C-alpha atoms as a PDB file:
ATOM      1  CA  MET A   1      17.874 -83.548  13.224  1.00  0.00           C
ATOM      2  CA  GLN A   2      17.441 -79.828  13.540  1.00  0.00           C
ATOM      3  CA  ASP A   3      20.438 -77.726  12.646  1.00  0.00           C
ATOM      4  CA  LYS A   4      20.424 -76.074  15.649  1.00  0.00           C
ATOM      5  CA  THR A   5      20.719 -79.381  17.640  1.00  0.00           C
ATOM      6  CA  ILE A   6      23.840 -80.524  15.269  1.00  0.00           C
ATOM      7  CA  ASP A   7      25.443 -76.913  16.133  1.00  0.00           C
ATOM      8  CA  ASN A   8      24.853 -77.247  20.036  1.00  0.00           C
ATOM      9  CA  ALA A   9      26.218 -80.754  19.838  1.00  0.00           C
ATOM     10  CA  LEU A  10      29.295 -79.840  17.902  1.00  0.00           C
ATOM     11  CA  LEU A  11      29.775 -76.941  20.442  1.00  0.00           C
ATOM     12  CA  ALA A  12      29.218 -79.194  23.273  1.00  0.00           C
ATOM     13  CA  LEU A  13      31.740 -81.718  21.814  1.00  0.00           C
ATOM     14  CA  ARG A  14      34.167 -78.746  21.421  1.00  0.00           C
ATOM     15  CA  LYS A  15      34.118 -77.888  25.139  1.00  0.00           C
ATOM     16  CA  GLN A  16      34.393 -81.229  26.174  1.00  0.00           C
ATOM     17  CA  ILE A  17      37.588 -81.841  23.966  1.00  0.00           C
ATOM     18  CA  ILE A  18      38.998 -78.592  25.213  1.00  0.00           C
ATOM     19  CA  ARG A  19      38.632 -79.150  28.570  1.00  0.00           C
ATOM     20  CA  GLY A  20      39.493 -82.867  28.731  1.00  0.00           C
ATOM     21  CA  ASP A  21      42.388 -82.433  26.486  1.00  0.00           C
ATOM     22  CA  GLY A  22      40.852 -84.980  23.843  1.00  0.00           C
ATOM     23  CA  ASP A  23      41.697 -85.299  20.290  1.00  0.00           C
ATOM     24  CA  GLY A  24      39.808 -84.267  17.089  1.00  0.00           C
ATOM     25  CA  LEU A  25      39.467 -80.260  18.050  1.00  0.00           C
ATOM     26  CA  GLU A  26      40.622 -79.518  14.417  1.00  0.00           C
ATOM     27  CA  HIS A  27      37.743 -81.401  12.889  1.00  0.00           C
ATOM     28  CA  VAL A  28      35.106 -80.334  14.997  1.00  0.00           C
ATOM     29  CA  GLU A  29      36.198 -76.647  14.824  1.00  0.00           C
ATOM     30  CA  THR A  30      36.453 -77.292  11.046  1.00  0.00           C
ATOM     31  CA  LEU A  31      32.880 -78.683  10.981  1.00  0.00           C
ATOM     32  CA  LEU A  32      31.547 -75.694  12.969  1.00  0.00           C
ATOM     33  CA  GLN A  33      33.180 -73.288  10.671  1.00  0.00           C
ATOM     34  CA  MET A  34      31.536 -74.870   7.739  1.00  0.00           C
ATOM     35  CA  ARG A  35      28.405 -74.528   9.212  1.00  0.00           C
ATOM     36  CA  GLY A  36      29.033 -70.813   9.895  1.00  0.00           C
ATOM     37  CA  VAL A  37      28.771 -71.215  13.600  1.00  0.00           C
ATOM     38  CA  ASP A  38      30.482 -68.913  15.862  1.00  0.00           C
ATOM     39  CA  MET A  39      32.694 -70.447  18.280  1.00  0.00           C
ATOM     40  CA  PRO A  40      32.564 -68.684  21.908  1.00  0.00           C
ATOM     41  CA  ARG A  41      35.290 -68.716  24.307  1.00  0.00           C
ATOM     42  CA  VAL A  42      35.653 -72.042  26.314  1.00  0.00           C
ATOM     43  CA  LEU A  43      36.393 -71.448  30.095  1.00  0.00           C
ATOM     44  CA  PRO A  44      38.641 -73.745  31.804  1.00  0.00           C
ATOM     45  CA  ALA A  45      36.720 -76.490  33.886  1.00  0.00           C
ATOM     46  CA  MET A  46      36.025 -75.588  37.863  1.00  0.00           C
ATOM     47  CA  PRO A  47      38.694 -76.654  39.869  1.00  0.00           C
ATOM     48  CA  GLU A  48      38.124 -79.844  42.081  1.00  0.00           C
ATOM     49  CA  ASN A  49      38.032 -77.361  45.516  1.00  0.00           C
ATOM     50  CA  SER A  50      35.783 -74.694  44.358  1.00  0.00           C
ATOM     51  CA  ALA A  51      33.045 -73.828  46.705  1.00  0.00           C
ATOM     52  CA  ARG A  52      29.787 -75.362  46.343  1.00  0.00           C
ATOM     53  CA  ARG A  53      26.433 -73.670  46.901  1.00  0.00           C
ATOM     54  CA  GLY A  54      25.906 -72.763  50.486  1.00  0.00           C
ATOM     55  CA  GLN A  55      29.554 -73.360  51.324  1.00  0.00           C
ATOM     56  CA  MET A  56      30.222 -69.764  52.250  1.00  0.00           C
ATOM     57  CA  ALA A  57      27.252 -69.844  54.710  1.00  0.00           C
ATOM     58  CA  PHE A  58      28.631 -72.928  56.291  1.00  0.00           C
ATOM     59  CA  TRP A  59      32.338 -71.452  56.643  1.00  0.00           C
ATOM     60  CA  ILE A  60      30.863 -68.377  58.264  1.00  0.00           C
ATOM     61  CA  MET A  61      28.677 -70.297  60.828  1.00  0.00           C
ATOM     62  CA  GLU A  62      31.690 -72.303  61.705  1.00  0.00           C
ATOM     63  CA  ALA A  63      33.746 -69.152  62.149  1.00  0.00           C
ATOM     64  CA  LEU A  64      31.384 -67.876  64.388  1.00  0.00           C
ATOM     65  CA  ARG A  65      30.488 -71.078  66.389  1.00  0.00           C
ATOM     66  CA  ASP A  66      33.437 -69.808  68.817  1.00  0.00           C
ATOM     67  CA  GLY A  67      32.440 -66.548  69.565  1.00  0.00           C
ATOM     68  CA  PRO A  68      31.431 -63.015  67.941  1.00  0.00           C
ATOM     69  CA  LYS A  69      33.772 -61.802  65.249  1.00  0.00           C
ATOM     70  CA  PRO A  70      33.894 -58.874  63.063  1.00  0.00           C
ATOM     71  CA  ARG A  71      33.386 -59.306  59.248  1.00  0.00           C
ATOM     72  CA  ARG A  72      37.544 -58.512  58.738  1.00  0.00           C
ATOM     73  CA  GLU A  73      38.307 -61.368  61.114  1.00  0.00           C
ATOM     74  CA  ILE A  74      35.569 -63.748  59.730  1.00  0.00           C
ATOM     75  CA  ALA A  75      36.945 -63.297  55.940  1.00  0.00           C
ATOM     76  CA  ALA A  76      40.566 -63.717  57.386  1.00  0.00           C
ATOM     77  CA  ARG A  77      39.403 -67.145  58.676  1.00  0.00           C
ATOM     78  CA  ILE A  78      37.859 -68.257  55.275  1.00  0.00           C
ATOM     79  CA  ARG A  79      40.989 -66.935  53.656  1.00  0.00           C
ATOM     80  CA  GLU A  80      42.828 -69.710  55.212  1.00  0.00           C
ATOM     81  CA  LEU A  81      40.531 -72.142  53.441  1.00  0.00           C
ATOM     82  CA  ARG A  82      40.615 -70.180  49.783  1.00  0.00           C
ATOM     83  CA  PRO A  83      43.784 -68.540  49.486  1.00  0.00           C
ATOM     84  CA  ASP A  84      43.122 -68.649  45.780  1.00  0.00           C
ATOM     85  CA  VAL A  85      40.397 -65.777  46.194  1.00  0.00           C
ATOM     86  CA  PRO A  86      41.710 -62.203  46.391  1.00  0.00           C
ATOM     87  CA  GLN A  87      41.221 -60.650  49.888  1.00  0.00           C
ATOM     88  CA  GLU A  88      38.932 -57.881  48.520  1.00  0.00           C
ATOM     89  CA  ALA A  89      36.653 -60.211  46.643  1.00  0.00           C
ATOM     90  CA  LEU A  90      36.552 -62.589  49.660  1.00  0.00           C
ATOM     91  CA  TYR A  91      35.521 -59.751  52.029  1.00  0.00           C
ATOM     92  CA  TRP A  92      32.802 -58.615  49.760  1.00  0.00           C
ATOM     93  CA  ARG A  93      31.504 -62.135  49.367  1.00  0.00           C
ATOM     94  CA  VAL A  94      31.608 -62.623  53.200  1.00  0.00           C
ATOM     95  CA  ASP A  95      29.373 -59.453  53.340  1.00  0.00           C
ATOM     96  CA  ALA A  96      27.033 -60.686  51.073  1.00  0.00           C
ATOM     97  CA  ALA A  97      26.600 -64.008  52.625  1.00  0.00           C
ATOM     98  CA  LEU A  98      26.319 -62.435  56.081  1.00  0.00           C
ATOM     99  CA  SER A  99      23.402 -60.403  54.648  1.00  0.00           C
ATOM    100  CA  ARG A 100      21.708 -63.364  53.491  1.00  0.00           C
ATOM    101  CA  LEU A 101      22.130 -65.290  56.669  1.00  0.00           C
ATOM    102  CA  ARG A 102      21.078 -62.094  58.691  1.00  0.00           C
ATOM    103  CA  ARG A 103      17.781 -61.997  56.712  1.00  0.00           C
ATOM    104  CA  LYS A 104      17.257 -65.809  57.412  1.00  0.00           C
ATOM    105  CA  GLY A 105      17.668 -65.127  61.061  1.00  0.00           C
ATOM    106  CA  LEU A 106      20.859 -67.029  61.500  1.00  0.00           C
ATOM    107  CA  VAL A 107      23.105 -64.553  62.516  1.00  0.00           C
ATOM    108  CA  TRP A 108      22.811 -60.822  63.864  1.00  0.00           C
ATOM    109  CA  ARG A 109      25.072 -58.034  64.235  1.00  0.00           C
ATOM    110  CA  ASP A 110      26.025 -55.856  67.222  1.00  0.00           C
ATOM    111  CA  GLY A 111      27.897 -52.648  65.918  1.00  0.00           C
ATOM    112  CA  ARG A 112      30.691 -54.415  63.867  1.00  0.00           C
ATOM    113  CA  VAL A 113      30.654 -57.535  65.328  1.00  0.00           C
ATOM    114  CA  TRP A 114      28.649 -60.552  63.957  1.00  0.00           C
ATOM    115  CA  GLN A 115      27.237 -63.568  66.256  1.00  0.00           C
ATOM    116  CA  LEU A 116      24.910 -66.734  66.019  1.00  0.00           C
END
């Protein structure tokens, strides 16, 4: 087995232990230190209710089903579903998703109002 493969397996095991609150973290980190491998920071696992690919587009289409709306109103509707996302970040995510939907021909804009 190549050294790189062993290092990657140990790093994956370390990540799994950190995210799953498992035992043996100190042993895995000791092995990584002995092998001279830098240990990157491990980000927490994504929450269960995190958005999936295409979820923003789906929410936007749902918001527009009952009539045309400005971007801020669409973002406010989605904010009810994702209160964990900061308002400004959500606004710009909605903007990007609307642009993608417009390029696909699924929505169009009349002034500041978006519609299906």
